[in-house]
């Protein structure tokens, strides 16, 4: 589905699910503190995984 075809509700749902994924990564991980580089790496992994779907 192209972005132009998505409704505002669908876009908001995707944003919220991505934030929830991040929340799970941070709360379920063993680490309690992350560097900026580690956070960027996690964001890159999520973005790459979403592109492959």
Protein backbone atom coordinates (compact mmCIF):
# COMPACT_ATOMS: atom_id res chain seq x y z
CA UNK A 1 0.00 0.00 0.00
CA UNK A 2 1.39 3.38 -0.97
CA UNK A 3 1.48 6.18 1.58
CA UNK A 4 -0.84 8.25 -0.61
CA UNK A 5 -3.48 5.52 -0.27
CA UNK A 6 -3.27 5.31 3.53
CA UNK A 7 -5.80 7.00 5.75
CA UNK A 8 -4.77 9.23 8.62
CA UNK A 9 -6.01 6.54 11.02
CA UNK A 10 -3.79 3.91 9.38
CA UNK A 11 -0.77 6.21 9.54
CA UNK A 12 -1.41 6.92 13.22
CA UNK A 13 -1.75 3.19 13.90
CA UNK A 14 1.62 2.50 12.28
CA UNK A 15 3.27 5.26 14.30
CA UNK A 16 1.87 3.91 17.54
CA UNK A 17 2.86 0.33 16.78
CA UNK A 18 6.40 1.46 16.02
CA UNK A 19 6.58 3.34 19.31
CA UNK A 20 5.30 0.25 21.10
CA UNK A 21 7.99 -1.87 19.42
CA UNK A 22 10.61 0.54 20.73
CA UNK A 23 9.09 0.44 24.19
CA UNK A 24 9.27 -3.36 24.22
CA UNK A 25 12.87 -3.35 23.03
CA UNK A 26 13.89 -0.98 25.81
CA UNK A 27 11.85 -2.54 28.62
CA UNK A 28 12.53 -6.19 27.77
CA UNK A 29 16.21 -5.72 27.06
CA UNK A 30 18.88 -6.46 29.60
CA UNK A 31 20.37 -3.00 29.33
CA UNK A 32 19.05 -0.10 31.38
CA UNK A 33 21.05 2.61 29.62
CA UNK A 34 21.67 3.06 25.90
CA UNK A 35 24.07 5.27 23.99
CA UNK A 36 22.86 7.43 21.14
CA UNK A 37 24.59 5.08 18.71
CA UNK A 38 22.77 2.05 20.16
CA UNK A 39 19.40 3.80 19.89
CA UNK A 40 20.11 4.78 16.28
CA UNK A 41 21.09 1.18 15.53
CA UNK A 42 17.82 -0.09 16.99
CA UNK A 43 15.85 2.46 14.95
CA UNK A 44 17.69 1.39 11.80
CA UNK A 45 16.87 -2.27 12.47
CA UNK A 46 13.18 -1.48 12.90
CA UNK A 47 13.09 0.66 9.75
CA UNK A 48 14.85 -2.02 7.71
CA UNK A 49 12.49 -4.73 8.98
CA UNK A 50 9.44 -2.61 8.10
CA UNK A 51 10.76 -1.98 4.57
CA UNK A 52 11.05 -5.74 3.99
CA UNK A 53 7.41 -6.44 4.91
